[in-house]
């Protein structure tokens, strides 16, 4: 059985672009963290497609580890180094069947236990420019210079977090975040950027939902 929750919001700020957002989770098993248990955030392996941006992963790691409901997070590189070579990009398990086999290898369960890692969060996705338009020109002359015109562009930040529970080698569920933002650049002598910080808001939205998902004792 699965349980889905979704939130759709529209955000508009005084000196920022407009952002529409959808955050959703799909639960496959009961979750919850006991005293001393930790979380690690990883990018999808290279052989499964383009690696998720390093700055986005770093943002999610930091967001999970601070603020309300903060979780204890083991840095991804520390986790990879401690389990070398089993979580290198070309050797990491691609599904929970591979995880079961990995957990049978000598030293792997012991290394995971030492770090207290309960959940691995696999991040996939990216941010891309999907459309743009307008015209902006700048010029300089003896009497000064300036920019004139109006430009706009829309970025889409679409990410998915797949959560594995290492205590039973099962998939706990997924959390997805899809943030689309339009930025504007009007200029009458001086450009005034109204930027929709799509990726950073996708990080914040996904991290908040992950905290709730991983800390929950809700049964499915």
N, C-alpha and C. Protein backbone atom coordinates (compact mmCIF):
# COMPACT_ATOMS: atom_id res chain seq x y z
N UNK A 1 0.86 -1.19 0.00
CA UNK A 1 0.00 0.00 0.00
C UNK A 1 0.89 1.23 0.00
N UNK A 2 0.44 2.28 -0.62
CA UNK A 2 1.20 3.53 -0.64
C UNK A 2 0.33 4.66 -0.15
N UNK A 3 0.99 5.69 0.35
CA UNK A 3 0.29 6.87 0.83
C UNK A 3 0.93 8.08 0.16
N UNK A 4 0.13 8.90 -0.50
CA UNK A 4 0.67 10.05 -1.22
C UNK A 4 0.16 11.33 -0.61
N UNK A 5 1.05 12.31 -0.49
CA UNK A 5 0.67 13.63 -0.04
C UNK A 5 1.24 14.62 -1.03
N UNK A 6 0.49 15.64 -1.37
CA UNK A 6 1.02 16.63 -2.31
C UNK A 6 0.65 18.03 -1.86
N UNK A 7 1.52 18.95 -2.19
CA UNK A 7 1.31 20.35 -1.88
C UNK A 7 1.59 21.14 -3.15
N UNK A 8 0.68 21.99 -3.56
CA UNK A 8 0.92 22.84 -4.72
C UNK A 8 0.74 24.28 -4.29
N UNK A 9 1.75 25.10 -4.54
CA UNK A 9 1.71 26.48 -4.08
C UNK A 9 2.23 27.40 -5.16
N UNK A 10 1.87 28.66 -5.07
CA UNK A 10 2.40 29.70 -5.95
C UNK A 10 3.03 30.76 -5.06
N UNK A 11 4.29 31.06 -5.31
CA UNK A 11 5.02 32.01 -4.49
C UNK A 11 5.37 33.24 -5.33
N UNK A 12 5.13 34.41 -4.79
CA UNK A 12 5.52 35.65 -5.48
C UNK A 12 6.11 36.59 -4.45
N UNK A 13 7.29 37.09 -4.70
CA UNK A 13 7.97 37.96 -3.76
C UNK A 13 8.25 39.30 -4.44
N UNK A 14 8.39 40.36 -3.59
CA UNK A 14 8.52 41.71 -4.11
C UNK A 14 9.57 41.87 -5.19
N UNK A 15 10.80 41.44 -4.92
CA UNK A 15 11.87 41.60 -5.90
C UNK A 15 12.34 40.23 -6.37
N UNK A 16 11.43 39.35 -6.60
CA UNK A 16 11.76 38.01 -7.10
C UNK A 16 10.77 37.63 -8.17
N UNK A 17 11.13 36.64 -8.96
CA UNK A 17 10.23 36.14 -9.97
C UNK A 17 9.12 35.32 -9.35
N UNK A 18 8.28 34.79 -10.20
CA UNK A 18 7.14 33.99 -9.75
C UNK A 18 7.49 32.52 -9.84
N UNK A 19 7.15 31.75 -8.79
CA UNK A 19 7.48 30.33 -8.74
C UNK A 19 6.23 29.52 -8.46
N UNK A 20 6.00 28.46 -9.23
CA UNK A 20 4.96 27.49 -8.90
C UNK A 20 5.65 26.22 -8.43
N UNK A 21 5.07 25.56 -7.46
CA UNK A 21 5.76 24.43 -6.84
C UNK A 21 4.82 23.28 -6.54
N UNK A 22 5.34 22.08 -6.70
CA UNK A 22 4.61 20.87 -6.33
C UNK A 22 5.57 19.94 -5.60
N UNK A 23 5.22 19.56 -4.37
CA UNK A 23 6.02 18.64 -3.57
C UNK A 23 5.12 17.46 -3.18
N UNK A 24 5.60 16.26 -3.43
CA UNK A 24 4.76 15.08 -3.21
C UNK A 24 5.59 13.94 -2.64
N UNK A 25 5.00 13.15 -1.75
CA UNK A 25 5.69 11.95 -1.28
C UNK A 25 4.83 10.72 -1.49
N UNK A 26 5.50 9.61 -1.67
CA UNK A 26 4.85 8.33 -1.90
C UNK A 26 5.49 7.31 -0.97
N UNK A 27 4.77 6.90 0.06
CA UNK A 27 5.33 6.05 1.10
C UNK A 27 5.06 4.57 0.82
N UNK A 28 6.09 3.77 1.00
CA UNK A 28 5.95 2.32 0.82
C UNK A 28 6.08 1.54 2.12
N UNK A 29 6.69 2.14 3.14
CA UNK A 29 6.79 1.45 4.43
C UNK A 29 6.89 2.47 5.56
N UNK A 30 6.69 2.00 6.78
CA UNK A 30 6.80 2.85 7.96
C UNK A 30 8.23 3.36 8.09
N UNK A 31 8.38 4.62 8.46
CA UNK A 31 9.71 5.19 8.66
C UNK A 31 9.82 5.77 10.06
N UNK A 32 11.02 6.16 10.42
CA UNK A 32 11.29 6.75 11.72
C UNK A 32 12.76 6.53 12.07
N UNK A 33 13.34 7.47 12.78
CA UNK A 33 14.74 7.39 13.16
C UNK A 33 14.87 7.22 14.67
N UNK A 34 15.68 6.25 15.07
CA UNK A 34 15.95 6.03 16.48
C UNK A 34 17.18 6.84 16.90
N UNK A 35 17.41 6.92 18.20
CA UNK A 35 18.56 7.66 18.72
C UNK A 35 19.86 7.16 18.08
N UNK A 36 20.64 8.07 17.54
CA UNK A 36 21.93 7.71 16.96
C UNK A 36 21.88 7.31 15.50
N UNK A 37 20.70 7.13 14.92
CA UNK A 37 20.60 6.75 13.51
C UNK A 37 20.77 7.97 12.61
N UNK A 38 21.39 7.73 11.46
CA UNK A 38 21.75 8.84 10.56
C UNK A 38 21.21 8.60 9.15
N UNK A 39 21.40 9.64 8.33
CA UNK A 39 20.94 9.64 6.94
C UNK A 39 22.13 10.02 6.06
N UNK A 40 22.19 9.47 4.85
CA UNK A 40 23.19 9.89 3.89
C UNK A 40 22.50 10.25 2.58
N UNK A 41 22.97 11.31 1.92
CA UNK A 41 22.39 11.78 0.66
C UNK A 41 23.38 11.52 -0.46
N UNK A 42 22.91 10.83 -1.52
CA UNK A 42 23.78 10.42 -2.62
C UNK A 42 23.16 10.82 -3.96
N UNK A 43 24.03 10.99 -4.97
CA UNK A 43 23.55 11.21 -6.33
C UNK A 43 23.33 9.88 -7.01
N UNK A 44 22.41 9.83 -7.93
CA UNK A 44 22.25 8.65 -8.76
C UNK A 44 23.56 8.36 -9.48
N UNK A 45 23.86 7.08 -9.71
CA UNK A 45 25.11 6.69 -10.33
C UNK A 45 25.24 7.24 -11.75
N UNK A 46 26.48 7.44 -12.18
CA UNK A 46 26.74 7.97 -13.51
C UNK A 46 26.13 7.10 -14.60
N UNK A 47 26.20 5.76 -14.42
CA UNK A 47 25.74 4.90 -15.49
C UNK A 47 24.22 4.87 -15.61
N UNK A 48 23.52 5.55 -14.68
CA UNK A 48 22.06 5.64 -14.77
C UNK A 48 21.60 6.95 -15.39
N UNK A 49 22.54 7.79 -15.81
CA UNK A 49 22.17 9.06 -16.40
C UNK A 49 23.06 10.17 -15.86
N UNK A 50 22.72 11.40 -16.18
CA UNK A 50 23.52 12.52 -15.71
C UNK A 50 23.45 12.65 -14.19
N UNK A 51 24.60 12.89 -13.59
CA UNK A 51 24.64 13.02 -12.14
C UNK A 51 23.93 14.29 -11.70
N UNK A 52 23.16 14.19 -10.62
CA UNK A 52 22.50 15.36 -10.06
C UNK A 52 23.56 16.39 -9.65
N UNK A 53 23.24 17.68 -9.81
CA UNK A 53 24.21 18.73 -9.54
C UNK A 53 24.76 18.64 -8.12
N UNK A 54 26.09 18.79 -8.01
CA UNK A 54 26.76 18.68 -6.71
C UNK A 54 26.27 19.75 -5.74
N UNK A 55 26.00 20.96 -6.24
CA UNK A 55 25.56 22.03 -5.35
C UNK A 55 24.17 21.77 -4.81
N UNK A 56 23.34 21.07 -5.58
CA UNK A 56 21.99 20.75 -5.09
C UNK A 56 22.08 19.69 -3.98
N UNK A 57 22.93 18.68 -4.17
CA UNK A 57 23.11 17.65 -3.15
C UNK A 57 23.63 18.27 -1.86
N UNK A 58 24.61 19.17 -2.00
CA UNK A 58 25.16 19.84 -0.83
C UNK A 58 24.09 20.66 -0.11
N UNK A 59 23.22 21.30 -0.88
CA UNK A 59 22.13 22.09 -0.29
C UNK A 59 21.18 21.20 0.50
N UNK A 60 20.82 20.05 -0.06
CA UNK A 60 19.91 19.14 0.64
C UNK A 60 20.56 18.59 1.91
N UNK A 61 21.85 18.22 1.83
CA UNK A 61 22.57 17.74 3.02
C UNK A 61 22.51 18.78 4.14
N UNK A 62 22.82 20.03 3.82
CA UNK A 62 22.85 21.08 4.83
C UNK A 62 21.45 21.36 5.36
N UNK A 63 20.45 21.36 4.48
CA UNK A 63 19.08 21.66 4.90
C UNK A 63 18.51 20.59 5.82
N UNK A 64 18.86 19.33 5.55
CA UNK A 64 18.38 18.25 6.41
C UNK A 64 19.01 18.33 7.80
N UNK A 65 20.23 18.84 7.86
CA UNK A 65 20.95 18.85 9.13
C UNK A 65 20.76 20.08 9.98
N UNK A 66 19.88 20.99 9.60
CA UNK A 66 19.69 22.20 10.39
C UNK A 66 18.22 22.59 10.41
N UNK A 67 17.90 23.53 11.30
CA UNK A 67 16.53 24.02 11.39
C UNK A 67 15.60 23.08 12.13
N UNK A 68 14.33 23.33 12.03
CA UNK A 68 13.32 22.53 12.71
C UNK A 68 13.35 21.09 12.20
N UNK A 69 13.34 20.14 13.13
CA UNK A 69 13.34 18.73 12.77
C UNK A 69 14.64 18.25 12.16
N UNK A 70 15.76 18.90 12.49
CA UNK A 70 17.05 18.57 11.89
C UNK A 70 17.41 17.10 12.11
N UNK A 71 17.99 16.50 11.06
CA UNK A 71 18.42 15.11 11.12
C UNK A 71 19.95 15.06 11.18
N UNK A 72 20.48 13.95 11.65
CA UNK A 72 21.92 13.75 11.66
C UNK A 72 22.31 13.17 10.30
N UNK A 73 23.16 13.90 9.56
CA UNK A 73 23.50 13.52 8.19
C UNK A 73 24.99 13.18 8.10
N UNK A 74 25.28 12.00 7.53
CA UNK A 74 26.66 11.61 7.25
C UNK A 74 27.02 12.15 5.87
N UNK A 75 28.11 12.91 5.72
CA UNK A 75 28.48 13.41 4.39
C UNK A 75 28.62 12.27 3.39
N UNK A 76 28.11 12.49 2.19
CA UNK A 76 28.12 11.45 1.17
C UNK A 76 29.50 10.89 0.88
N UNK A 77 30.52 11.76 0.80
CA UNK A 77 31.86 11.29 0.47
C UNK A 77 32.44 10.45 1.60
N UNK A 78 32.12 10.77 2.85
CA UNK A 78 32.57 9.96 3.99
C UNK A 78 31.98 8.56 3.90
N UNK A 79 30.69 8.50 3.55
CA UNK A 79 30.01 7.22 3.40
C UNK A 79 30.64 6.39 2.29
N UNK A 80 30.88 7.01 1.13
CA UNK A 80 31.47 6.32 -0.02
C UNK A 80 32.87 5.81 0.32
N UNK A 81 33.68 6.65 0.96
CA UNK A 81 35.05 6.25 1.32
C UNK A 81 35.06 5.11 2.33
N UNK A 82 34.14 5.13 3.27
CA UNK A 82 34.09 4.09 4.30
C UNK A 82 33.67 2.74 3.74
N UNK A 83 32.96 2.75 2.60
CA UNK A 83 32.47 1.52 2.00
C UNK A 83 33.14 1.21 0.67
N UNK A 84 34.30 1.83 0.42
CA UNK A 84 35.01 1.61 -0.84
C UNK A 84 35.27 0.11 -1.05
N UNK A 85 34.98 -0.42 -2.29
CA UNK A 85 34.54 0.32 -3.48
C UNK A 85 33.05 0.18 -3.77
N UNK A 86 32.25 -0.21 -2.77
CA UNK A 86 30.88 -0.66 -3.05
C UNK A 86 29.90 0.44 -3.39
N UNK A 87 30.21 1.69 -3.07
CA UNK A 87 29.29 2.78 -3.43
C UNK A 87 29.93 3.78 -4.38
N UNK A 88 30.96 3.33 -5.09
CA UNK A 88 31.50 4.15 -6.16
C UNK A 88 30.45 4.21 -7.29
N UNK A 89 30.50 5.27 -8.13
CA UNK A 89 29.46 5.45 -9.15
C UNK A 89 29.19 4.21 -10.01
N UNK A 90 30.22 3.43 -10.35
CA UNK A 90 30.02 2.31 -11.26
C UNK A 90 29.75 0.99 -10.54
N UNK A 91 29.80 1.00 -9.22
CA UNK A 91 29.58 -0.25 -8.49
C UNK A 91 28.41 -0.19 -7.52
N UNK A 92 27.85 1.00 -7.30
CA UNK A 92 26.75 1.13 -6.35
C UNK A 92 25.53 0.34 -6.82
N UNK A 93 24.79 -0.28 -5.90
CA UNK A 93 23.59 -1.02 -6.30
C UNK A 93 22.57 -0.10 -6.94
N UNK A 94 21.93 -0.58 -8.00
CA UNK A 94 20.95 0.24 -8.72
C UNK A 94 19.53 0.04 -8.20
N UNK A 95 19.32 -0.98 -7.38
CA UNK A 95 17.99 -1.24 -6.82
C UNK A 95 18.16 -2.00 -5.51
N UNK A 96 17.05 -2.26 -4.82
CA UNK A 96 17.15 -2.91 -3.52
C UNK A 96 17.55 -4.38 -3.61
N UNK A 97 17.36 -5.01 -4.77
CA UNK A 97 17.86 -6.37 -4.95
C UNK A 97 19.38 -6.38 -4.87
N UNK A 98 19.99 -5.39 -5.52
CA UNK A 98 21.43 -5.26 -5.44
C UNK A 98 21.89 -4.90 -4.04
N UNK A 99 21.06 -4.13 -3.32
CA UNK A 99 21.39 -3.76 -1.96
C UNK A 99 21.43 -4.99 -1.05
N UNK A 100 20.49 -5.90 -1.23
CA UNK A 100 20.46 -7.13 -0.43
C UNK A 100 21.76 -7.91 -0.61
N UNK A 101 22.21 -8.03 -1.86
CA UNK A 101 23.46 -8.74 -2.14
C UNK A 101 24.65 -8.01 -1.53
N UNK A 102 24.62 -6.68 -1.61
CA UNK A 102 25.72 -5.89 -1.06
C UNK A 102 25.83 -6.07 0.45
N UNK A 103 24.70 -6.12 1.13
CA UNK A 103 24.70 -6.25 2.58
C UNK A 103 25.25 -7.60 3.05
N UNK A 104 25.39 -8.54 2.12
CA UNK A 104 25.95 -9.85 2.47
C UNK A 104 27.47 -9.89 2.35
N UNK A 105 28.05 -8.84 1.80
CA UNK A 105 29.50 -8.81 1.62
C UNK A 105 30.20 -8.53 2.94
N UNK A 106 31.35 -9.18 3.17
CA UNK A 106 32.08 -9.00 4.43
C UNK A 106 32.44 -7.55 4.70
N UNK A 107 32.16 -7.11 5.90
CA UNK A 107 32.53 -5.77 6.34
C UNK A 107 31.52 -4.69 6.03
N UNK A 108 30.60 -4.92 5.11
CA UNK A 108 29.64 -3.87 4.73
C UNK A 108 28.66 -3.56 5.87
N UNK A 109 27.97 -4.56 6.43
CA UNK A 109 27.04 -4.25 7.52
C UNK A 109 27.73 -3.59 8.71
N UNK A 110 28.96 -4.02 8.99
CA UNK A 110 29.70 -3.47 10.13
C UNK A 110 30.03 -1.99 9.90
N UNK A 111 30.45 -1.65 8.66
CA UNK A 111 30.79 -0.25 8.35
C UNK A 111 29.55 0.64 8.45
N UNK A 112 28.43 0.14 7.96
CA UNK A 112 27.18 0.91 8.02
C UNK A 112 26.74 1.10 9.46
N UNK A 113 26.90 0.06 10.27
CA UNK A 113 26.51 0.15 11.68
C UNK A 113 27.38 1.16 12.41
N UNK A 114 28.68 1.20 12.11
CA UNK A 114 29.57 2.16 12.78
C UNK A 114 29.14 3.59 12.52
N UNK A 115 28.67 3.86 11.31
CA UNK A 115 28.22 5.22 10.98
C UNK A 115 26.78 5.47 11.40
N UNK A 116 26.08 4.43 11.77
CA UNK A 116 24.69 4.59 12.19
C UNK A 116 23.72 4.91 11.07
N UNK A 117 24.11 4.63 9.82
CA UNK A 117 23.26 5.01 8.69
C UNK A 117 22.03 4.11 8.59
N UNK A 118 20.88 4.72 8.68
CA UNK A 118 19.61 3.99 8.56
C UNK A 118 19.03 4.15 7.15
N UNK A 119 19.11 5.38 6.60
CA UNK A 119 18.50 5.63 5.30
C UNK A 119 19.52 6.21 4.31
N UNK A 120 19.46 5.72 3.08
CA UNK A 120 20.18 6.33 1.96
C UNK A 120 19.14 7.05 1.10
N UNK A 121 19.38 8.33 0.85
CA UNK A 121 18.50 9.13 0.01
C UNK A 121 19.20 9.34 -1.34
N UNK A 122 18.66 8.72 -2.38
CA UNK A 122 19.22 8.86 -3.73
C UNK A 122 18.54 10.02 -4.44
N UNK A 123 19.31 11.02 -4.83
CA UNK A 123 18.75 12.18 -5.53
C UNK A 123 18.95 12.06 -7.03
N UNK A 124 17.90 12.39 -7.76
CA UNK A 124 17.96 12.38 -9.22
C UNK A 124 17.21 13.60 -9.73
N UNK A 125 17.63 14.11 -10.87
CA UNK A 125 16.93 15.24 -11.47
C UNK A 125 17.87 16.37 -11.82
N UNK A 126 17.32 17.54 -12.08
CA UNK A 126 18.13 18.68 -12.46
C UNK A 126 17.29 19.92 -12.69
N UNK A 127 17.99 21.02 -12.94
CA UNK A 127 17.35 22.29 -13.25
C UNK A 127 17.73 22.70 -14.67
N UNK A 128 16.74 23.05 -15.47
CA UNK A 128 17.03 23.44 -16.85
C UNK A 128 16.19 24.62 -17.30
N UNK A 129 16.72 25.39 -18.24
CA UNK A 129 16.01 26.51 -18.85
C UNK A 129 15.05 25.94 -19.89
N UNK A 130 13.76 26.20 -19.75
CA UNK A 130 12.79 25.61 -20.66
C UNK A 130 12.25 26.60 -21.69
N UNK A 131 12.31 27.89 -21.38
CA UNK A 131 11.87 28.88 -22.37
C UNK A 131 12.41 30.25 -21.98
N UNK A 132 12.52 31.13 -22.96
CA UNK A 132 12.97 32.48 -22.70
C UNK A 132 12.51 33.40 -23.83
N UNK A 133 12.51 34.70 -23.57
CA UNK A 133 12.07 35.63 -24.59
C UNK A 133 12.39 37.06 -24.22
N UNK A 134 11.95 38.00 -25.04
CA UNK A 134 12.20 39.41 -24.81
C UNK A 134 13.48 39.88 -25.47
N UNK A 135 13.79 41.13 -25.25
CA UNK A 135 14.98 41.72 -25.86
C UNK A 135 15.55 42.78 -24.94
N UNK A 136 16.87 42.79 -24.80
CA UNK A 136 17.55 43.74 -23.93
C UNK A 136 18.83 44.20 -24.63
N UNK A 137 19.04 45.50 -24.68
CA UNK A 137 20.26 46.03 -25.30
C UNK A 137 20.89 47.07 -24.40
N UNK A 138 22.21 47.10 -24.42
CA UNK A 138 22.95 48.06 -23.61
C UNK A 138 23.94 48.80 -24.51
N UNK A 139 24.14 50.06 -24.21
CA UNK A 139 25.05 50.87 -25.01
C UNK A 139 25.71 51.91 -24.13
N UNK A 140 26.88 52.35 -24.56
CA UNK A 140 27.62 53.39 -23.84
C UNK A 140 28.03 54.47 -24.82
N UNK A 141 28.02 55.71 -24.35
CA UNK A 141 28.40 56.82 -25.21
C UNK A 141 29.06 57.91 -24.41
N UNK A 142 29.42 59.02 -25.05
CA UNK A 142 30.10 60.11 -24.36
C UNK A 142 29.31 60.65 -23.17
N UNK A 143 28.00 60.62 -23.28
CA UNK A 143 27.17 61.15 -22.21
C UNK A 143 26.76 60.12 -21.18
N UNK A 144 27.27 58.93 -21.29
CA UNK A 144 26.89 57.87 -20.37
C UNK A 144 26.35 56.67 -21.12
N UNK A 145 25.72 55.79 -20.43
CA UNK A 145 25.20 54.58 -21.06
C UNK A 145 24.05 54.03 -20.27
N UNK A 146 23.51 52.95 -20.78
CA UNK A 146 22.40 52.32 -20.08
C UNK A 146 21.87 51.14 -20.85
N UNK A 147 20.92 50.47 -20.25
CA UNK A 147 20.29 49.30 -20.86
C UNK A 147 18.80 49.56 -20.99
N UNK A 148 18.24 49.05 -22.07
CA UNK A 148 16.82 49.26 -22.33
C UNK A 148 16.20 47.97 -22.86
N UNK A 149 14.97 47.70 -22.43
CA UNK A 149 14.27 46.52 -22.92
C UNK A 149 13.69 45.69 -21.79
N UNK A 150 13.32 44.50 -22.16
CA UNK A 150 12.70 43.59 -21.19
C UNK A 150 12.99 42.15 -21.62
N UNK A 151 13.53 41.35 -20.73
CA UNK A 151 13.82 39.95 -21.00
C UNK A 151 13.22 39.09 -19.90
N UNK A 152 12.92 37.85 -20.25
CA UNK A 152 12.38 36.91 -19.26
C UNK A 152 12.81 35.50 -19.62
N UNK A 153 12.81 34.62 -18.63
CA UNK A 153 13.15 33.21 -18.85
C UNK A 153 12.50 32.36 -17.76
N UNK A 154 12.27 31.10 -18.09
CA UNK A 154 11.65 30.17 -17.15
C UNK A 154 12.56 28.97 -16.95
N UNK A 155 12.86 28.67 -15.68
CA UNK A 155 13.65 27.51 -15.32
C UNK A 155 12.75 26.49 -14.62
N UNK A 156 13.02 25.22 -14.85
CA UNK A 156 12.27 24.14 -14.20
C UNK A 156 13.22 23.28 -13.40
N UNK A 157 12.97 23.17 -12.10
CA UNK A 157 13.78 22.33 -11.20
C UNK A 157 12.94 21.12 -10.82
N UNK A 158 13.32 19.96 -11.34
CA UNK A 158 12.55 18.74 -11.14
C UNK A 158 13.45 17.68 -10.51
N UNK A 159 13.16 17.31 -9.25
CA UNK A 159 14.03 16.38 -8.52
C UNK A 159 13.20 15.28 -7.86
N UNK A 160 13.83 14.12 -7.73
CA UNK A 160 13.20 12.99 -7.03
C UNK A 160 14.19 12.40 -6.04
N UNK A 161 13.72 12.14 -4.84
CA UNK A 161 14.52 11.49 -3.80
C UNK A 161 13.94 10.10 -3.54
N UNK A 162 14.73 9.07 -3.82
CA UNK A 162 14.33 7.69 -3.52
C UNK A 162 14.99 7.27 -2.22
N UNK A 163 14.21 6.80 -1.27
CA UNK A 163 14.72 6.49 0.06
C UNK A 163 14.82 4.98 0.28
N UNK A 164 16.02 4.52 0.63
CA UNK A 164 16.24 3.11 0.97
C UNK A 164 16.44 2.98 2.47
N UNK A 165 15.78 2.00 3.05
CA UNK A 165 15.94 1.68 4.47
C UNK A 165 16.97 0.56 4.59
N UNK A 166 18.15 0.87 5.11
CA UNK A 166 19.22 -0.13 5.19
C UNK A 166 18.97 -1.17 6.28
N UNK A 167 18.04 -0.90 7.20
CA UNK A 167 17.78 -1.86 8.27
C UNK A 167 17.11 -3.12 7.75
N UNK A 168 16.35 -3.01 6.65
CA UNK A 168 15.69 -4.18 6.08
C UNK A 168 15.91 -4.29 4.58
N UNK A 169 16.81 -3.45 4.03
CA UNK A 169 17.14 -3.48 2.60
C UNK A 169 15.90 -3.35 1.72
N UNK A 170 15.03 -2.42 2.09
CA UNK A 170 13.81 -2.18 1.34
C UNK A 170 13.70 -0.71 0.95
N UNK A 171 12.89 -0.45 -0.09
CA UNK A 171 12.60 0.93 -0.48
C UNK A 171 11.51 1.48 0.44
N UNK A 172 11.78 2.63 1.06
CA UNK A 172 10.81 3.22 1.97
C UNK A 172 9.82 4.12 1.24
N UNK A 173 10.21 4.63 0.05
CA UNK A 173 9.32 5.49 -0.71
C UNK A 173 10.09 6.55 -1.46
N UNK A 174 9.37 7.53 -1.98
CA UNK A 174 9.98 8.62 -2.74
C UNK A 174 9.38 9.96 -2.34
N UNK A 175 10.18 11.00 -2.53
CA UNK A 175 9.72 12.37 -2.38
C UNK A 175 10.13 13.11 -3.64
N UNK A 176 9.18 13.81 -4.26
CA UNK A 176 9.48 14.56 -5.48
C UNK A 176 9.20 16.04 -5.29
N UNK A 177 9.98 16.86 -5.98
CA UNK A 177 9.77 18.31 -5.95
C UNK A 177 9.91 18.84 -7.37
N UNK A 178 8.92 19.58 -7.81
CA UNK A 178 8.93 20.18 -9.14
C UNK A 178 8.62 21.67 -9.00
N UNK A 179 9.64 22.50 -9.17
CA UNK A 179 9.50 23.94 -9.03
C UNK A 179 9.77 24.61 -10.37
N UNK A 180 8.83 25.39 -10.85
CA UNK A 180 9.00 26.12 -12.11
C UNK A 180 8.92 27.61 -11.82
N UNK A 181 9.95 28.34 -12.26
CA UNK A 181 10.00 29.76 -11.93
C UNK A 181 10.33 30.62 -13.13
N UNK A 182 9.66 31.76 -13.23
CA UNK A 182 9.92 32.71 -14.30
C UNK A 182 10.61 33.95 -13.73
N UNK A 183 11.77 34.27 -14.30
CA UNK A 183 12.53 35.45 -13.90
C UNK A 183 12.33 36.56 -14.92
N UNK A 184 12.44 37.81 -14.47
CA UNK A 184 12.23 38.97 -15.33
C UNK A 184 13.41 39.93 -15.21
N UNK A 185 13.74 40.58 -16.31
CA UNK A 185 14.82 41.56 -16.31
C UNK A 185 14.37 42.80 -17.09
N UNK A 186 13.61 43.68 -16.44
CA UNK A 186 13.25 44.94 -17.09
C UNK A 186 14.41 45.93 -16.96
N UNK A 187 14.57 46.77 -17.94
CA UNK A 187 15.66 47.75 -17.89
C UNK A 187 15.24 49.06 -18.53
N UNK A 188 15.35 50.13 -17.75
CA UNK A 188 15.18 51.48 -18.25
C UNK A 188 16.38 52.26 -17.71
N UNK A 189 17.46 52.16 -18.45
CA UNK A 189 18.80 52.64 -18.09
C UNK A 189 19.49 51.61 -17.19
N UNK A 190 18.89 51.29 -16.04
CA UNK A 190 19.50 50.33 -15.11
C UNK A 190 18.65 49.06 -15.08
N UNK A 191 19.25 47.88 -15.35
CA UNK A 191 18.50 46.62 -15.27
C UNK A 191 18.07 46.32 -13.83
N UNK A 192 16.86 45.80 -13.67
CA UNK A 192 16.36 45.42 -12.35
C UNK A 192 15.99 43.94 -12.40
N UNK A 193 16.90 43.06 -11.97
CA UNK A 193 16.63 41.63 -12.05
C UNK A 193 15.61 41.17 -11.01
N UNK A 194 14.59 40.48 -11.45
CA UNK A 194 13.58 39.87 -10.57
C UNK A 194 13.73 38.36 -10.75
N UNK A 195 14.55 37.76 -9.92
CA UNK A 195 15.01 36.39 -10.14
C UNK A 195 14.17 35.38 -9.35
N UNK A 196 13.69 34.37 -10.03
CA UNK A 196 13.01 33.24 -9.38
C UNK A 196 14.08 32.19 -9.06
N UNK A 197 14.44 32.06 -7.80
CA UNK A 197 15.51 31.15 -7.41
C UNK A 197 14.95 29.73 -7.32
N UNK A 198 14.74 29.17 -8.48
CA UNK A 198 14.01 27.90 -8.60
C UNK A 198 14.72 26.75 -7.91
N UNK A 199 16.02 26.60 -8.17
CA UNK A 199 16.74 25.46 -7.60
C UNK A 199 16.81 25.53 -6.07
N UNK A 200 17.09 26.71 -5.52
CA UNK A 200 17.21 26.82 -4.07
C UNK A 200 15.87 26.55 -3.39
N UNK A 201 14.78 26.95 -4.03
CA UNK A 201 13.46 26.68 -3.44
C UNK A 201 13.08 25.21 -3.58
N UNK A 202 13.55 24.58 -4.65
CA UNK A 202 13.33 23.14 -4.79
C UNK A 202 14.09 22.40 -3.71
N UNK A 203 15.29 22.87 -3.37
CA UNK A 203 16.07 22.27 -2.28
C UNK A 203 15.33 22.41 -0.96
N UNK A 204 14.85 23.61 -0.67
CA UNK A 204 14.14 23.86 0.58
C UNK A 204 12.87 23.03 0.68
N UNK A 205 12.09 22.99 -0.41
CA UNK A 205 10.83 22.23 -0.40
C UNK A 205 11.05 20.74 -0.26
N UNK A 206 12.01 20.19 -0.99
CA UNK A 206 12.29 18.76 -0.92
C UNK A 206 12.82 18.39 0.45
N UNK A 207 13.73 19.20 1.00
CA UNK A 207 14.33 18.90 2.30
C UNK A 207 13.29 18.91 3.41
N UNK A 208 12.39 19.87 3.38
CA UNK A 208 11.34 19.95 4.40
C UNK A 208 10.46 18.70 4.36
N UNK A 209 10.10 18.25 3.16
CA UNK A 209 9.26 17.07 3.04
C UNK A 209 10.03 15.81 3.43
N UNK A 210 11.33 15.75 3.11
CA UNK A 210 12.15 14.61 3.51
C UNK A 210 12.24 14.50 5.03
N UNK A 211 12.40 15.62 5.71
CA UNK A 211 12.44 15.60 7.17
C UNK A 211 11.18 14.97 7.74
N UNK A 212 10.04 15.42 7.24
CA UNK A 212 8.76 14.90 7.72
C UNK A 212 8.63 13.41 7.39
N UNK A 213 9.05 13.04 6.18
CA UNK A 213 8.94 11.65 5.73
C UNK A 213 9.81 10.72 6.58
N UNK A 214 11.05 11.09 6.81
CA UNK A 214 11.99 10.21 7.51
C UNK A 214 11.74 10.17 9.01
N UNK A 215 11.18 11.23 9.56
CA UNK A 215 10.93 11.28 11.00
C UNK A 215 9.59 10.68 11.39
N UNK A 216 8.75 10.44 10.40
CA UNK A 216 7.39 9.99 10.66
C UNK A 216 7.34 8.55 11.15
N UNK A 217 6.41 8.29 12.06
CA UNK A 217 6.14 6.92 12.50
C UNK A 217 4.80 6.43 11.93
N UNK A 218 4.34 7.11 10.91
CA UNK A 218 3.05 6.79 10.30
C UNK A 218 3.08 5.42 9.66
N UNK A 219 2.10 4.61 9.89
CA UNK A 219 2.02 3.28 9.30
C UNK A 219 1.25 3.33 7.99
N UNK A 220 1.60 2.44 7.05
CA UNK A 220 0.95 2.42 5.75
C UNK A 220 0.07 1.19 5.64
